[in-house]
Amino acid sequence: MNTKDKGIRTSLQGWLGATPSSSEDLKAMRAAVWHKQEIVVVPLQDVRDNETRNLLRAVAEKLYGHRRAET
């Protein structure tokens, strides 16, 4: 078992899918997609400036519509 694989081994592993990524993994993925495809992924909670956060939210709503409530 390598250092990244700390989960329980089971015959159901194929059905379970990948384990959730760490925050460092997600940050690296956001950087990679920016460099490779010029796609910006910005978690709104990371934006401290209200004006910038509101601008990003407005752009996202224009492109994708209002967020649906999570259930």
Protein backbone atom coordinates (compact mmCIF):
# COMPACT_ATOMS: atom_id res chain seq x y z
CA MET A 1 0.00 0.00 0.00
CA ASN A 2 1.53 3.36 -0.99
CA THR A 3 1.35 6.51 1.13
CA LYS A 4 -1.53 8.03 -0.88
CA ASP A 5 -3.66 4.87 -0.63
CA LYS A 6 -4.76 4.83 3.01
CA GLY A 7 -8.29 3.57 2.41
CA ILE A 8 -9.64 0.13 3.16
CA ARG A 9 -9.07 -2.43 0.43
CA THR A 10 -12.28 -4.07 -0.73
CA SER A 11 -13.67 -5.97 -3.70
CA LEU A 12 -16.14 -3.09 -4.08
CA GLN A 13 -13.36 -0.60 -4.88
CA GLY A 14 -14.34 -0.53 -8.57
CA TRP A 15 -17.85 0.55 -7.61
CA LEU A 16 -16.78 3.14 -5.06
CA GLY A 17 -14.83 5.37 -7.42
CA ALA A 18 -12.00 7.69 -6.53
CA THR A 19 -11.55 9.10 -3.06
CA PRO A 20 -12.25 12.82 -2.60
CA SER A 21 -9.35 15.06 -3.49
CA SER A 22 -7.56 17.09 -0.85
CA SER A 23 -7.66 20.88 -0.95
CA GLU A 24 -4.08 20.86 -2.25
CA ASP A 25 -5.07 18.47 -5.06
CA LEU A 26 -8.01 20.69 -6.01
CA LYS A 27 -5.80 23.80 -6.05
CA ALA A 28 -3.33 22.02 -8.33
CA MET A 29 -6.18 20.98 -10.65
CA ARG A 30 -7.45 24.58 -10.82
CA ALA A 31 -3.94 25.80 -11.70
CA ALA A 32 -3.52 23.11 -14.37
CA VAL A 33 -6.83 23.89 -16.08
CA TRP A 34 -5.91 27.59 -16.10
CA HIS A 35 -2.54 26.94 -17.75
CA LYS A 36 -3.81 24.35 -20.23
CA GLN A 37 -7.28 25.63 -21.17
CA GLU A 38 -7.52 29.21 -19.85
CA ILE A 39 -10.41 28.21 -17.60
CA VAL A 40 -10.63 30.01 -14.27
CA VAL A 41 -12.08 28.18 -11.27
CA VAL A 42 -12.44 30.43 -8.24
CA PRO A 43 -14.16 29.31 -5.04
CA LEU A 44 -16.22 32.36 -4.02
CA GLN A 45 -15.32 31.90 -0.36
CA ASP A 46 -11.66 32.52 -1.35
CA VAL A 47 -12.48 35.97 -2.76
CA ARG A 48 -12.20 38.54 0.03
CA ASP A 49 -13.33 41.62 -1.93
CA ASN A 50 -17.15 41.88 -2.02
CA GLU A 51 -17.19 43.74 -5.33
CA THR A 52 -15.06 41.10 -7.06
CA ARG A 53 -17.08 38.25 -5.49
CA ASN A 54 -20.34 39.83 -6.69
CA LEU A 55 -18.89 40.30 -10.19
CA LEU A 56 -17.82 36.65 -10.37
CA ARG A 57 -21.21 35.50 -9.09
CA ALA A 58 -22.98 37.65 -11.72
CA VAL A 59 -20.82 36.24 -14.53
CA ALA A 60 -21.48 32.67 -13.37
CA GLU A 61 -25.23 33.29 -13.12
CA LYS A 62 -25.29 34.83 -16.59
CA LEU A 63 -23.46 31.84 -18.07
CA TYR A 64 -25.02 29.01 -16.06
CA GLY A 65 -28.14 30.37 -14.34
CA HIS A 66 -28.88 30.78 -10.65
CA ARG A 67 -27.56 28.12 -8.31
CA ARG A 68 -30.00 25.46 -7.27
CA ALA A 69 -30.45 24.87 -3.56
CA GLU A 70 -28.53 21.81 -2.37
CA THR A 71 -30.64 19.03 -0.96
